[in-house]
Amino acid sequence: LELGRRVGIPGPVDAEPLDTTPAPALPLGLPDAVDRALRQGPEYRVARANERAAAAFYQGRRGTYLPVLTLSANNSRFDNHLFPSASIVTSVSFGVSLPLWDNGNREIALTQARVNRDVSRTVREDLERAAIRDVTEAYDAYETARASTDLAQQAVLVAVENNRVQELRYRSGATTILDLLDAQAGLTAAQSDLVQSRYANRLALAGLEAILGQRLFSGKQ
């Protein structure tokens, strides 16, 4: 029901079966991932856009200190004929306006714009400094989850073989039911760990892709 709500479908929706193939290696190295995150990562692009907008707004506020120049022209003709020519008056006016004081409102707005620009710049610089840490954390999380999945698959194989041996020994009377139940519980735990490791692997990949702002694999992972 929650999945259906998230995808906009009334009623329950089943998840698509997970791919059981081994998780592939990442198609790019850590330095390339950091560089790609800085260039096209959504969070970093938003920070740069906010900085540019704040800088442009600050420049616009500074323009209120500049003089305002006005130029106007007028031509008038007066007569009682269709094409008047008795009286022709032409005027050209040129004006200069220099704002000196508006009760400090202009200075307050300029200060606020400058502070907003500095804050946006600081946020962008902090995000870029943290890019190496964030990308490295997500990158290593995927590699760790990928290695954990391989170990979990090996643990399942071991648990399957151990359960088979214990079952044969129990049938031949060489062991007790407790040993067989313990082997079965171990197999169930190993299978559960494999499912959890695959989930962690997909979650780590999604986290890295969210930072980079792109899908790393074209197929289903």
N, C-alpha and C. Protein backbone atom coordinates (compact mmCIF):
# COMPACT_ATOMS: atom_id res chain seq x y z
N LEU A 1 0.83 -1.21 0.00
CA LEU A 1 0.00 0.00 0.00
C LEU A 1 0.86 1.26 0.00
N GLU A 2 1.92 1.27 0.78
CA GLU A 2 2.81 2.43 0.81
C GLU A 2 3.52 2.62 -0.53
N LEU A 3 3.93 1.51 -1.15
CA LEU A 3 4.57 1.60 -2.46
C LEU A 3 3.60 2.14 -3.50
N GLY A 4 2.36 1.68 -3.45
CA GLY A 4 1.37 2.19 -4.38
C GLY A 4 1.11 3.67 -4.19
N ARG A 5 1.10 4.12 -2.94
CA ARG A 5 0.91 5.55 -2.65
C ARG A 5 2.07 6.37 -3.20
N ARG A 6 3.28 5.86 -3.08
CA ARG A 6 4.45 6.61 -3.54
C ARG A 6 4.49 6.73 -5.06
N VAL A 7 4.02 5.71 -5.77
CA VAL A 7 4.07 5.76 -7.24
C VAL A 7 2.77 6.28 -7.83
N GLY A 8 1.81 6.69 -6.98
CA GLY A 8 0.58 7.30 -7.46
C GLY A 8 -0.46 6.33 -7.96
N ILE A 9 -0.50 5.12 -7.41
CA ILE A 9 -1.48 4.12 -7.83
C ILE A 9 -2.35 3.77 -6.62
N PRO A 10 -3.67 3.87 -6.74
CA PRO A 10 -4.52 3.48 -5.62
C PRO A 10 -4.48 1.96 -5.40
N GLY A 11 -4.28 1.56 -4.20
CA GLY A 11 -4.24 0.14 -3.89
C GLY A 11 -2.82 -0.38 -3.78
N PRO A 12 -2.67 -1.64 -3.45
CA PRO A 12 -1.33 -2.22 -3.26
C PRO A 12 -0.60 -2.44 -4.57
N VAL A 13 0.73 -2.34 -4.51
CA VAL A 13 1.59 -2.58 -5.67
C VAL A 13 2.74 -3.47 -5.22
N ASP A 14 3.01 -4.53 -5.98
CA ASP A 14 4.11 -5.42 -5.66
C ASP A 14 5.41 -4.87 -6.24
N ALA A 15 6.49 -5.05 -5.50
CA ALA A 15 7.80 -4.63 -5.98
C ALA A 15 8.29 -5.60 -7.05
N GLU A 16 9.10 -5.10 -7.95
CA GLU A 16 9.68 -5.95 -8.98
C GLU A 16 10.74 -6.85 -8.36
N PRO A 17 10.81 -8.11 -8.76
CA PRO A 17 11.81 -9.02 -8.16
C PRO A 17 13.23 -8.49 -8.35
N LEU A 18 14.03 -8.67 -7.32
CA LEU A 18 15.42 -8.21 -7.37
C LEU A 18 16.24 -9.07 -8.31
N ASP A 19 17.20 -8.42 -8.93
CA ASP A 19 18.14 -9.13 -9.79
C ASP A 19 19.17 -9.82 -8.90
N THR A 20 19.34 -11.11 -9.10
CA THR A 20 20.27 -11.88 -8.26
C THR A 20 21.66 -11.97 -8.86
N THR A 21 21.91 -11.31 -9.97
CA THR A 21 23.26 -11.33 -10.53
C THR A 21 24.20 -10.52 -9.65
N PRO A 22 25.49 -10.86 -9.65
CA PRO A 22 26.44 -10.12 -8.81
C PRO A 22 26.48 -8.64 -9.17
N ALA A 23 26.68 -7.83 -8.16
CA ALA A 23 26.76 -6.38 -8.38
C ALA A 23 28.00 -6.05 -9.20
N PRO A 24 27.86 -5.26 -10.26
CA PRO A 24 29.01 -4.95 -11.11
C PRO A 24 29.92 -3.93 -10.46
N ALA A 25 31.15 -3.88 -10.94
CA ALA A 25 32.09 -2.86 -10.47
C ALA A 25 31.68 -1.49 -11.01
N LEU A 26 31.99 -0.47 -10.29
CA LEU A 26 31.64 0.88 -10.70
C LEU A 26 32.41 1.26 -11.97
N PRO A 27 31.77 1.95 -12.91
CA PRO A 27 32.42 2.27 -14.18
C PRO A 27 33.36 3.46 -14.11
N LEU A 28 33.59 4.02 -12.95
CA LEU A 28 34.49 5.17 -12.82
C LEU A 28 35.22 5.08 -11.50
N GLY A 29 36.42 5.69 -11.47
CA GLY A 29 37.21 5.70 -10.25
C GLY A 29 36.76 6.78 -9.30
N LEU A 30 37.33 6.79 -8.11
CA LEU A 30 36.95 7.76 -7.10
C LEU A 30 37.26 9.19 -7.52
N PRO A 31 38.47 9.50 -8.07
CA PRO A 31 38.71 10.89 -8.51
C PRO A 31 37.73 11.35 -9.58
N ASP A 32 37.38 10.46 -10.53
CA ASP A 32 36.41 10.82 -11.55
C ASP A 32 35.03 11.05 -10.95
N ALA A 33 34.68 10.27 -9.94
CA ALA A 33 33.39 10.44 -9.29
C ALA A 33 33.31 11.78 -8.57
N VAL A 34 34.38 12.19 -7.90
CA VAL A 34 34.40 13.49 -7.23
C VAL A 34 34.27 14.61 -8.24
N ASP A 35 35.01 14.51 -9.33
CA ASP A 35 34.96 15.55 -10.36
C ASP A 35 33.57 15.63 -11.01
N ARG A 36 32.97 14.48 -11.25
CA ARG A 36 31.64 14.46 -11.87
C ARG A 36 30.60 15.02 -10.91
N ALA A 37 30.73 14.73 -9.64
CA ALA A 37 29.79 15.28 -8.66
C ALA A 37 29.85 16.79 -8.61
N LEU A 38 31.07 17.34 -8.65
CA LEU A 38 31.22 18.79 -8.61
C LEU A 38 30.67 19.45 -9.87
N ARG A 39 30.77 18.76 -11.00
CA ARG A 39 30.32 19.36 -12.26
C ARG A 39 28.82 19.25 -12.46
N GLN A 40 28.21 18.12 -12.09
CA GLN A 40 26.81 17.91 -12.43
C GLN A 40 25.96 17.40 -11.28
N GLY A 41 26.52 17.29 -10.09
CA GLY A 41 25.71 16.87 -8.95
C GLY A 41 24.61 17.89 -8.66
N PRO A 42 23.37 17.44 -8.43
CA PRO A 42 22.27 18.39 -8.22
C PRO A 42 22.52 19.36 -7.08
N GLU A 43 23.02 18.87 -5.97
CA GLU A 43 23.23 19.73 -4.80
C GLU A 43 24.25 20.82 -5.09
N TYR A 44 25.31 20.47 -5.79
CA TYR A 44 26.36 21.44 -6.08
C TYR A 44 25.92 22.43 -7.16
N ARG A 45 25.14 21.96 -8.13
CA ARG A 45 24.63 22.87 -9.16
C ARG A 45 23.65 23.87 -8.57
N VAL A 46 22.83 23.42 -7.63
CA VAL A 46 21.90 24.35 -6.97
C VAL A 46 22.67 25.40 -6.19
N ALA A 47 23.72 24.98 -5.50
CA ALA A 47 24.52 25.94 -4.72
C ALA A 47 25.17 26.98 -5.63
N ARG A 48 25.70 26.56 -6.78
CA ARG A 48 26.31 27.52 -7.71
C ARG A 48 25.26 28.46 -8.30
N ALA A 49 24.07 27.92 -8.61
CA ALA A 49 23.01 28.77 -9.16
C ALA A 49 22.55 29.80 -8.13
N ASN A 50 22.44 29.38 -6.88
CA ASN A 50 22.05 30.33 -5.82
C ASN A 50 23.10 31.42 -5.66
N GLU A 51 24.36 31.05 -5.76
CA GLU A 51 25.41 32.06 -5.65
C GLU A 51 25.35 33.05 -6.81
N ARG A 52 25.14 32.56 -8.02
CA ARG A 52 25.04 33.46 -9.17
C ARG A 52 23.84 34.39 -9.04
N ALA A 53 22.71 33.85 -8.58
CA ALA A 53 21.52 34.69 -8.42
C ALA A 53 21.74 35.76 -7.36
N ALA A 54 22.36 35.38 -6.24
CA ALA A 54 22.63 36.36 -5.18
C ALA A 54 23.62 37.42 -5.65
N ALA A 55 24.64 37.03 -6.44
CA ALA A 55 25.60 37.99 -6.94
C ALA A 55 24.95 38.95 -7.93
N ALA A 56 24.08 38.44 -8.79
CA ALA A 56 23.39 39.31 -9.74
C ALA A 56 22.45 40.28 -9.03
N PHE A 57 21.77 39.80 -8.00
CA PHE A 57 20.88 40.68 -7.24
C PHE A 57 21.67 41.78 -6.54
N TYR A 58 22.85 41.42 -6.03
CA TYR A 58 23.70 42.42 -5.38
C TYR A 58 24.17 43.47 -6.38
N GLN A 59 24.56 43.04 -7.57
CA GLN A 59 24.97 44.00 -8.59
C GLN A 59 23.81 44.92 -8.98
N GLY A 60 22.60 44.35 -9.01
CA GLY A 60 21.45 45.19 -9.31
C GLY A 60 21.20 46.24 -8.24
N ARG A 61 21.41 45.85 -6.98
CA ARG A 61 21.24 46.82 -5.90
C ARG A 61 22.28 47.92 -5.96
N ARG A 62 23.48 47.58 -6.38
CA ARG A 62 24.52 48.60 -6.50
C ARG A 62 24.18 49.63 -7.58
N GLY A 63 23.40 49.20 -8.56
CA GLY A 63 23.02 50.12 -9.61
C GLY A 63 22.14 51.26 -9.15
N THR A 64 21.53 51.14 -7.96
CA THR A 64 20.70 52.24 -7.46
C THR A 64 21.52 53.46 -7.09
N TYR A 65 22.84 53.33 -7.00
CA TYR A 65 23.69 54.47 -6.70
C TYR A 65 24.07 55.26 -7.95
N LEU A 66 23.80 54.73 -9.11
CA LEU A 66 24.18 55.39 -10.35
C LEU A 66 23.15 56.46 -10.72
N PRO A 67 23.58 57.52 -11.39
CA PRO A 67 22.62 58.54 -11.83
C PRO A 67 21.72 58.00 -12.94
N VAL A 68 20.52 58.55 -13.02
CA VAL A 68 19.55 58.15 -14.03
C VAL A 68 19.50 59.23 -15.10
N LEU A 69 19.75 58.85 -16.34
CA LEU A 69 19.75 59.78 -17.47
C LEU A 69 18.47 59.60 -18.26
N THR A 70 17.82 60.73 -18.61
CA THR A 70 16.60 60.68 -19.40
C THR A 70 16.75 61.61 -20.60
N LEU A 71 16.29 61.16 -21.74
CA LEU A 71 16.33 61.93 -22.98
C LEU A 71 14.98 61.81 -23.65
N SER A 72 14.36 62.94 -23.98
CA SER A 72 13.06 62.93 -24.62
C SER A 72 13.01 63.99 -25.71
N ALA A 73 12.22 63.75 -26.74
CA ALA A 73 12.07 64.69 -27.86
C ALA A 73 10.59 64.81 -28.22
N ASN A 74 10.20 65.98 -28.70
CA ASN A 74 8.80 66.23 -29.06
C ASN A 74 8.74 67.14 -30.27
N ASN A 75 7.86 66.84 -31.19
CA ASN A 75 7.65 67.65 -32.39
C ASN A 75 6.15 67.90 -32.55
N SER A 76 5.75 69.17 -32.61
CA SER A 76 4.34 69.52 -32.72
C SER A 76 4.13 70.44 -33.91
N ARG A 77 3.02 70.22 -34.64
CA ARG A 77 2.64 71.05 -35.79
C ARG A 77 1.20 71.55 -35.58
N PHE A 78 0.98 72.84 -35.89
CA PHE A 78 -0.34 73.44 -35.71
C PHE A 78 -0.77 74.16 -36.99
N ASP A 79 -2.00 73.94 -37.42
CA ASP A 79 -2.57 74.61 -38.58
C ASP A 79 -4.01 74.13 -38.73
N ASN A 80 -4.78 74.77 -39.61
CA ASN A 80 -6.14 74.33 -39.89
C ASN A 80 -6.25 73.55 -41.18
N HIS A 81 -5.13 73.18 -41.74
CA HIS A 81 -5.09 72.37 -42.96
C HIS A 81 -4.82 70.91 -42.61
N LEU A 82 -5.05 70.07 -43.63
CA LEU A 82 -4.82 68.63 -43.41
C LEU A 82 -3.37 68.35 -43.10
N PHE A 83 -2.48 69.03 -43.76
CA PHE A 83 -1.05 68.89 -43.48
C PHE A 83 -0.57 70.19 -42.84
N PRO A 84 -0.56 70.28 -41.53
CA PRO A 84 -0.24 71.54 -40.83
C PRO A 84 1.21 71.94 -41.06
N SER A 85 1.36 73.24 -41.31
CA SER A 85 2.72 73.76 -41.48
C SER A 85 2.86 75.20 -40.99
N ALA A 86 1.78 75.74 -40.42
CA ALA A 86 1.84 77.13 -39.97
C ALA A 86 2.76 77.30 -38.78
N SER A 87 2.68 76.36 -37.87
CA SER A 87 3.51 76.48 -36.66
C SER A 87 4.12 75.11 -36.35
N ILE A 88 5.43 75.05 -36.28
CA ILE A 88 6.15 73.81 -35.99
C ILE A 88 7.01 74.05 -34.75
N VAL A 89 6.80 73.24 -33.75
CA VAL A 89 7.56 73.35 -32.49
C VAL A 89 8.27 72.04 -32.22
N THR A 90 9.55 72.09 -32.10
CA THR A 90 10.37 70.90 -31.80
C THR A 90 11.14 71.15 -30.52
N SER A 91 11.07 70.17 -29.60
CA SER A 91 11.78 70.32 -28.32
C SER A 91 12.53 69.04 -27.99
N VAL A 92 13.68 69.19 -27.40
CA VAL A 92 14.51 68.07 -26.93
C VAL A 92 14.91 68.37 -25.49
N SER A 93 14.69 67.42 -24.64
CA SER A 93 15.03 67.61 -23.22
C SER A 93 15.96 66.50 -22.75
N PHE A 94 16.85 66.86 -21.90
CA PHE A 94 17.84 65.93 -21.35
C PHE A 94 17.89 66.15 -19.84
N GLY A 95 17.74 65.06 -19.08
CA GLY A 95 17.71 65.18 -17.62
C GLY A 95 18.64 64.19 -16.95
N VAL A 96 19.14 64.61 -15.81
CA VAL A 96 20.01 63.77 -15.00
C VAL A 96 19.47 63.76 -13.57
N SER A 97 19.29 62.57 -13.03
CA SER A 97 18.78 62.43 -11.66
C SER A 97 19.78 61.62 -10.85
N LEU A 98 20.20 62.18 -9.73
CA LEU A 98 21.16 61.50 -8.86
C LEU A 98 20.55 61.34 -7.47
N PRO A 99 20.16 60.10 -7.11
CA PRO A 99 19.56 59.89 -5.78
C PRO A 99 20.63 60.01 -4.69
N LEU A 100 20.35 60.82 -3.69
CA LEU A 100 21.31 61.04 -2.62
C LEU A 100 20.92 60.33 -1.33
N TRP A 101 19.66 60.38 -0.95
CA TRP A 101 19.27 59.82 0.35
C TRP A 101 17.81 59.43 0.31
N ASP A 102 17.51 58.21 0.78
CA ASP A 102 16.12 57.75 0.86
C ASP A 102 15.84 57.12 2.21
N ASN A 103 16.32 57.81 3.25
CA ASN A 103 16.14 57.35 4.63
C ASN A 103 16.88 56.04 4.93
N GLY A 104 17.91 55.77 4.17
CA GLY A 104 18.74 54.59 4.41
C GLY A 104 18.19 53.30 3.86
N ASN A 105 17.04 53.33 3.18
CA ASN A 105 16.47 52.09 2.65
C ASN A 105 17.37 51.46 1.59
N ARG A 106 17.98 52.30 0.78
CA ARG A 106 18.87 51.79 -0.25
C ARG A 106 20.09 51.12 0.37
N GLU A 107 20.67 51.69 1.41
CA GLU A 107 21.83 51.11 2.07
C GLU A 107 21.48 49.80 2.76
N ILE A 108 20.29 49.74 3.37
CA ILE A 108 19.86 48.50 4.03
C ILE A 108 19.68 47.38 3.01
N ALA A 109 19.03 47.70 1.89
CA ALA A 109 18.82 46.68 0.86
C ALA A 109 20.14 46.21 0.27
N LEU A 110 21.09 47.14 0.10
CA LEU A 110 22.39 46.75 -0.43
C LEU A 110 23.14 45.85 0.54
N THR A 111 23.07 46.17 1.82
CA THR A 111 23.74 45.34 2.82
C THR A 111 23.13 43.94 2.87
N GLN A 112 21.82 43.85 2.82
CA GLN A 112 21.16 42.54 2.82
C GLN A 112 21.55 41.73 1.58
N ALA A 113 21.61 42.40 0.44
CA ALA A 113 22.01 41.69 -0.79
C ALA A 113 23.45 41.20 -0.71
N ARG A 114 24.33 42.01 -0.12
CA ARG A 114 25.73 41.60 0.01
C ARG A 114 25.87 40.43 0.97
N VAL A 115 25.13 40.46 2.06
CA VAL A 115 25.19 39.35 3.02
C VAL A 115 24.66 38.06 2.39
N ASN A 116 23.55 38.17 1.66
CA ASN A 116 23.01 36.99 0.98
C ASN A 116 24.00 36.42 -0.03
N ARG A 117 24.70 37.30 -0.73
CA ARG A 117 25.71 36.84 -1.68
C ARG A 117 26.84 36.12 -0.96
N ASP A 118 27.31 36.68 0.15
CA ASP A 118 28.40 36.06 0.90
C ASP A 118 27.97 34.72 1.50
N VAL A 119 26.72 34.65 1.98
CA VAL A 119 26.22 33.39 2.54
C VAL A 119 26.13 32.32 1.45
N SER A 120 25.62 32.70 0.29
CA SER A 120 25.52 31.74 -0.82
C SER A 120 26.89 31.25 -1.25
N ARG A 121 27.86 32.15 -1.28
CA ARG A 121 29.22 31.76 -1.64
C ARG A 121 29.81 30.81 -0.60
N THR A 122 29.57 31.09 0.67
CA THR A 122 30.09 30.23 1.74
C THR A 122 29.48 28.84 1.68
N VAL A 123 28.16 28.79 1.42
CA VAL A 123 27.49 27.49 1.31
C VAL A 123 28.06 26.69 0.15
N ARG A 124 28.28 27.36 -0.99
CA ARG A 124 28.83 26.67 -2.14
C ARG A 124 30.24 26.16 -1.87
N GLU A 125 31.08 26.97 -1.26
CA GLU A 125 32.44 26.56 -0.95
C GLU A 125 32.46 25.40 0.05
N ASP A 126 31.56 25.45 1.03
CA ASP A 126 31.51 24.36 2.02
C ASP A 126 31.07 23.05 1.37
N LEU A 127 30.09 23.13 0.46
CA LEU A 127 29.65 21.92 -0.23
C LEU A 127 30.76 21.34 -1.09
N GLU A 128 31.50 22.19 -1.77
CA GLU A 128 32.58 21.70 -2.61
C GLU A 128 33.71 21.09 -1.78
N ARG A 129 33.97 21.68 -0.61
CA ARG A 129 34.98 21.06 0.26
C ARG A 129 34.51 19.71 0.79
N ALA A 130 33.22 19.59 1.01
CA ALA A 130 32.67 18.32 1.53
C ALA A 130 32.44 17.29 0.43
N ALA A 131 32.63 17.68 -0.82
CA ALA A 131 32.35 16.75 -1.93
C ALA A 131 33.23 15.52 -1.85
N ILE A 132 34.52 15.71 -1.54
CA ILE A 132 35.43 14.56 -1.46
C ILE A 132 34.96 13.59 -0.39
N ARG A 133 34.56 14.12 0.75
CA ARG A 133 34.09 13.25 1.83
C ARG A 133 32.80 12.53 1.45
N ASP A 134 31.82 13.28 0.90
CA ASP A 134 30.53 12.68 0.59
C ASP A 134 30.65 11.62 -0.51
N VAL A 135 31.38 11.94 -1.56
CA VAL A 135 31.53 10.98 -2.66
C VAL A 135 32.33 9.76 -2.20
N THR A 136 33.39 9.99 -1.43
CA THR A 136 34.19 8.86 -0.93
C THR A 136 33.35 7.95 -0.05
N GLU A 137 32.53 8.55 0.81
CA GLU A 137 31.68 7.75 1.69
C GLU A 137 30.69 6.91 0.89
N ALA A 138 30.04 7.52 -0.11
CA ALA A 138 29.08 6.78 -0.92
C ALA A 138 29.78 5.74 -1.79
N TYR A 139 30.95 6.10 -2.32
CA TYR A 139 31.71 5.19 -3.17
C TYR A 139 32.15 3.95 -2.37
N ASP A 140 32.73 4.18 -1.21
CA ASP A 140 33.19 3.06 -0.38
C ASP A 140 32.01 2.26 0.17
N ALA A 141 30.87 2.92 0.40
CA ALA A 141 29.70 2.19 0.88
C ALA A 141 29.24 1.17 -0.16
N TYR A 142 29.29 1.56 -1.43
CA TYR A 142 28.91 0.61 -2.48
C TYR A 142 29.92 -0.53 -2.58
N GLU A 143 31.20 -0.20 -2.55
CA GLU A 143 32.22 -1.24 -2.65
C GLU A 143 32.14 -2.19 -1.45
N THR A 144 31.89 -1.64 -0.28
CA THR A 144 31.76 -2.50 0.92
C THR A 144 30.54 -3.39 0.82
N ALA A 145 29.41 -2.82 0.39
CA ALA A 145 28.20 -3.62 0.24
C ALA A 145 28.37 -4.69 -0.83
N ARG A 146 29.10 -4.35 -1.87
CA ARG A 146 29.36 -5.32 -2.94
C ARG A 146 30.20 -6.49 -2.41
N ALA A 147 31.23 -6.18 -1.63
CA ALA A 147 32.04 -7.25 -1.04
C ALA A 147 31.24 -8.05 -0.02
N SER A 148 30.38 -7.36 0.74
CA SER A 148 29.56 -8.07 1.73
C SER A 148 28.59 -9.02 1.04
N THR A 149 28.08 -8.63 -0.11
CA THR A 149 27.18 -9.51 -0.86
C THR A 149 27.90 -10.77 -1.32
N ASP A 150 29.13 -10.61 -1.78
CA ASP A 150 29.92 -11.78 -2.19
C ASP A 150 30.15 -12.73 -1.01
N LEU A 151 30.48 -12.16 0.14
CA LEU A 151 30.68 -13.00 1.33
C LEU A 151 29.38 -13.67 1.75
N ALA A 152 28.27 -12.93 1.64
CA ALA A 152 26.98 -13.52 2.03
C ALA A 152 26.61 -14.66 1.10
N GLN A 153 26.93 -14.55 -0.18
CA GLN A 153 26.66 -15.64 -1.11
C GLN A 153 27.49 -16.87 -0.77
N GLN A 154 28.74 -16.65 -0.41
CA GLN A 154 29.58 -17.78 0.01
C GLN A 154 29.04 -18.41 1.29
N ALA A 155 28.54 -17.56 2.20
CA ALA A 155 27.99 -18.09 3.45
C ALA A 155 26.75 -18.94 3.18
N VAL A 156 25.95 -18.57 2.20
CA VAL A 156 24.77 -19.37 1.85
C VAL A 156 25.20 -20.73 1.30
N LEU A 157 26.22 -20.73 0.45
CA LEU A 157 26.70 -22.01 -0.09
C LEU A 157 27.20 -22.92 1.03
N VAL A 158 27.93 -22.34 1.98
CA VAL A 158 28.43 -23.12 3.10
C VAL A 158 27.27 -23.65 3.94
N ALA A 159 26.25 -22.77 4.18
CA ALA A 159 25.10 -23.19 4.99
C ALA A 159 24.29 -24.28 4.29
N VAL A 160 24.17 -24.19 2.97
CA VAL A 160 23.45 -25.23 2.21
C VAL A 160 24.17 -26.56 2.33
N GLU A 161 25.47 -26.55 2.18
CA GLU A 161 26.23 -27.80 2.27
C GLU A 161 26.18 -28.36 3.69
N ASN A 162 26.28 -27.47 4.69
CA ASN A 162 26.22 -27.94 6.08
C ASN A 162 24.85 -28.53 6.38
N ASN A 163 23.79 -27.92 5.86
CA ASN A 163 22.45 -28.46 6.09
C ASN A 163 22.29 -29.83 5.41
N ARG A 164 22.87 -29.97 4.21
CA ARG A 164 22.79 -31.26 3.51
C ARG A 164 23.51 -32.35 4.29
N VAL A 165 24.70 -32.03 4.81
CA VAL A 165 25.46 -33.02 5.57
C VAL A 165 24.73 -33.41 6.85
N GLN A 166 24.19 -32.41 7.55
CA GLN A 166 23.48 -32.70 8.80
C GLN A 166 22.22 -33.52 8.55
N GLU A 167 21.57 -33.25 7.42
CA GLU A 167 20.38 -34.03 7.10
C GLU A 167 20.74 -35.49 6.81
N LEU A 168 21.83 -35.72 6.08
CA LEU A 168 22.27 -37.09 5.81
C LEU A 168 22.69 -37.80 7.09
N ARG A 169 23.39 -37.08 7.97
CA ARG A 169 23.82 -37.67 9.23
C ARG A 169 22.62 -37.99 10.12
N TYR A 170 21.61 -37.11 10.09
CA TYR A 170 20.43 -37.37 10.92
C TYR A 170 19.67 -38.60 10.40
N ARG A 171 19.58 -38.73 9.08
CA ARG A 171 18.89 -39.88 8.52
C ARG A 171 19.62 -41.18 8.82
N SER A 172 20.96 -41.08 8.91
CA SER A 172 21.74 -42.30 9.22
C SER A 172 21.87 -42.53 10.71
N GLY A 173 21.31 -41.65 11.53
CA GLY A 173 21.36 -41.82 12.97
C GLY A 173 22.66 -41.39 13.61
N ALA A 174 23.49 -40.62 12.88
CA ALA A 174 24.78 -40.20 13.42
C ALA A 174 24.73 -38.88 14.16
N THR A 175 23.57 -38.23 14.18
CA THR A 175 23.44 -36.95 14.87
C THR A 175 22.03 -36.82 15.41
N THR A 176 21.78 -35.77 16.15
CA THR A 176 20.47 -35.56 16.77
C THR A 176 19.67 -34.54 15.98
N ILE A 177 18.39 -34.44 16.32
CA ILE A 177 17.51 -33.49 15.66
C ILE A 177 17.93 -32.05 15.95
N LEU A 178 18.57 -31.83 17.09
CA LEU A 178 19.02 -30.48 17.43
C LEU A 178 20.09 -29.98 16.47
N ASP A 179 21.00 -30.88 16.09
CA ASP A 179 22.03 -30.48 15.12
C ASP A 179 21.42 -30.15 13.77
N LEU A 180 20.40 -30.92 13.36
CA LEU A 180 19.74 -30.65 12.09
C LEU A 180 18.99 -29.32 12.13
N LEU A 181 18.29 -29.08 13.22
CA LEU A 181 17.57 -27.81 13.36
C LEU A 181 18.53 -26.62 13.39
N ASP A 182 19.68 -26.82 14.03
CA ASP A 182 20.67 -25.76 14.06
C ASP A 182 21.21 -25.47 12.66
N ALA A 183 21.41 -26.51 11.85
CA ALA A 183 21.88 -26.31 10.49
C ALA A 183 20.82 -25.60 9.64
N GLN A 184 19.55 -25.97 9.84
CA GLN A 184 18.48 -25.31 9.12
C GLN A 184 18.36 -23.83 9.51
N ALA A 185 18.51 -23.55 10.80
CA ALA A 185 18.47 -22.15 11.25
C ALA A 185 19.63 -21.35 10.69
N GLY A 186 20.81 -22.02 10.62
CA GLY A 186 21.96 -21.34 10.03
C GLY A 186 21.76 -21.02 8.56
N LEU A 187 21.10 -21.94 7.83
CA LEU A 187 20.82 -21.70 6.42
C LEU A 187 19.84 -20.54 6.25
N THR A 188 18.82 -20.52 7.09
CA THR A 188 17.85 -19.42 7.01
C THR A 188 18.51 -18.08 7.33
N ALA A 189 19.38 -18.05 8.32
CA ALA A 189 20.07 -16.81 8.68
C ALA A 189 21.00 -16.35 7.56
N ALA A 190 21.68 -17.30 6.92
CA ALA A 190 22.57 -16.94 5.82
C ALA A 190 21.79 -16.38 4.64
N GLN A 191 20.65 -16.98 4.33
CA GLN A 191 19.82 -16.45 3.25
C GLN A 191 19.28 -15.07 3.57
N SER A 192 18.90 -14.87 4.83
CA SER A 192 18.43 -13.55 5.25
C SER A 192 19.54 -12.50 5.15
N ASP A 193 20.74 -12.88 5.54
CA ASP A 193 21.88 -11.94 5.43
C ASP A 193 22.17 -11.60 3.98
N LEU A 194 21.98 -12.56 3.08
CA LEU A 194 22.21 -12.30 1.66
C LEU A 194 21.19 -11.28 1.13
N VAL A 195 19.94 -11.44 1.54
CA VAL A 195 18.91 -10.49 1.12
C VAL A 195 19.23 -9.09 1.64
N GLN A 196 19.64 -9.00 2.90
CA GLN A 196 19.97 -7.70 3.48
C GLN A 196 21.18 -7.07 2.79
N SER A 197 22.17 -7.89 2.45
CA SER A 197 23.35 -7.35 1.78
C SER A 197 23.02 -6.87 0.38
N ARG A 198 22.14 -7.57 -0.32
CA ARG A 198 21.72 -7.10 -1.65
C ARG A 198 20.95 -5.79 -1.55
N TYR A 199 20.11 -5.69 -0.54
CA TYR A 199 19.39 -4.44 -0.32
C TYR A 199 20.35 -3.29 -0.01
N ALA A 200 21.33 -3.56 0.85
CA ALA A 200 22.32 -2.53 1.18
C ALA A 200 23.12 -2.12 -0.05
N ASN A 201 23.40 -3.09 -0.93
CA ASN A 201 24.13 -2.80 -2.15
C ASN A 201 23.34 -1.85 -3.06
N ARG A 202 22.07 -2.12 -3.25
CA ARG A 202 21.22 -1.27 -4.09
C ARG A 202 21.05 0.10 -3.46
N LEU A 203 20.91 0.14 -2.15
CA LEU A 203 20.75 1.42 -1.47
C LEU A 203 22.01 2.27 -1.59
N ALA A 204 23.17 1.64 -1.46
CA ALA A 204 24.43 2.37 -1.59
C ALA A 204 24.61 2.90 -3.01
N LEU A 205 24.21 2.11 -4.01
CA LEU A 205 24.31 2.57 -5.39
C LEU A 205 23.38 3.75 -5.63
N ALA A 206 22.17 3.69 -5.07
CA ALA A 206 21.23 4.80 -5.23
C ALA A 206 21.77 6.07 -4.57
N GLY A 207 22.43 5.92 -3.41
CA GLY A 207 23.00 7.09 -2.75
C GLY A 207 24.11 7.73 -3.57
N LEU A 208 24.96 6.91 -4.17
CA LEU A 208 26.03 7.44 -5.01
C LEU A 208 25.47 8.11 -6.26
N GLU A 209 24.47 7.49 -6.87
CA GLU A 209 23.87 8.09 -8.06
C GLU A 209 23.17 9.40 -7.75
N ALA A 210 22.58 9.51 -6.55
CA ALA A 210 21.94 10.76 -6.16
C ALA A 210 22.95 11.89 -6.03
N ILE A 211 24.15 11.58 -5.54
CA ILE A 211 25.19 12.60 -5.41
C ILE A 211 25.71 13.00 -6.79
N LEU A 212 25.92 12.01 -7.66
CA LEU A 212 26.46 12.29 -9.00
C LEU A 212 25.43 12.89 -9.94
N GLY A 213 24.15 12.66 -9.66
CA GLY A 213 23.12 13.20 -10.52
C GLY A 213 22.93 12.44 -11.81
N GLN A 214 23.24 11.15 -11.83
CA GLN A 214 23.06 10.35 -13.04
C GLN A 214 23.06 8.88 -12.69
N ARG A 215 22.48 8.05 -13.59
CA ARG A 215 22.52 6.62 -13.43
C ARG A 215 23.87 6.11 -13.91
N LEU A 216 24.44 5.18 -13.15
CA LEU A 216 25.75 4.64 -13.49
C LEU A 216 25.63 3.40 -14.37
N PHE A 217 24.51 2.73 -14.31
CA PHE A 217 24.31 1.53 -15.12
C PHE A 217 23.01 1.69 -15.87
N SER A 218 23.02 1.36 -17.15
CA SER A 218 21.83 1.53 -17.97
C SER A 218 20.80 0.44 -17.73
N GLY A 219 21.26 -0.76 -17.38
CA GLY A 219 20.34 -1.86 -17.14
C GLY A 219 19.81 -1.86 -15.73
N LYS A 220 19.04 -2.86 -15.38
CA LYS A 220 18.48 -3.00 -14.03
C LYS A 220 19.57 -3.50 -13.10
N GLN A 221 19.66 -2.85 -11.93
CA GLN A 221 20.66 -3.27 -10.94
C GLN A 221 19.95 -3.50 -9.62
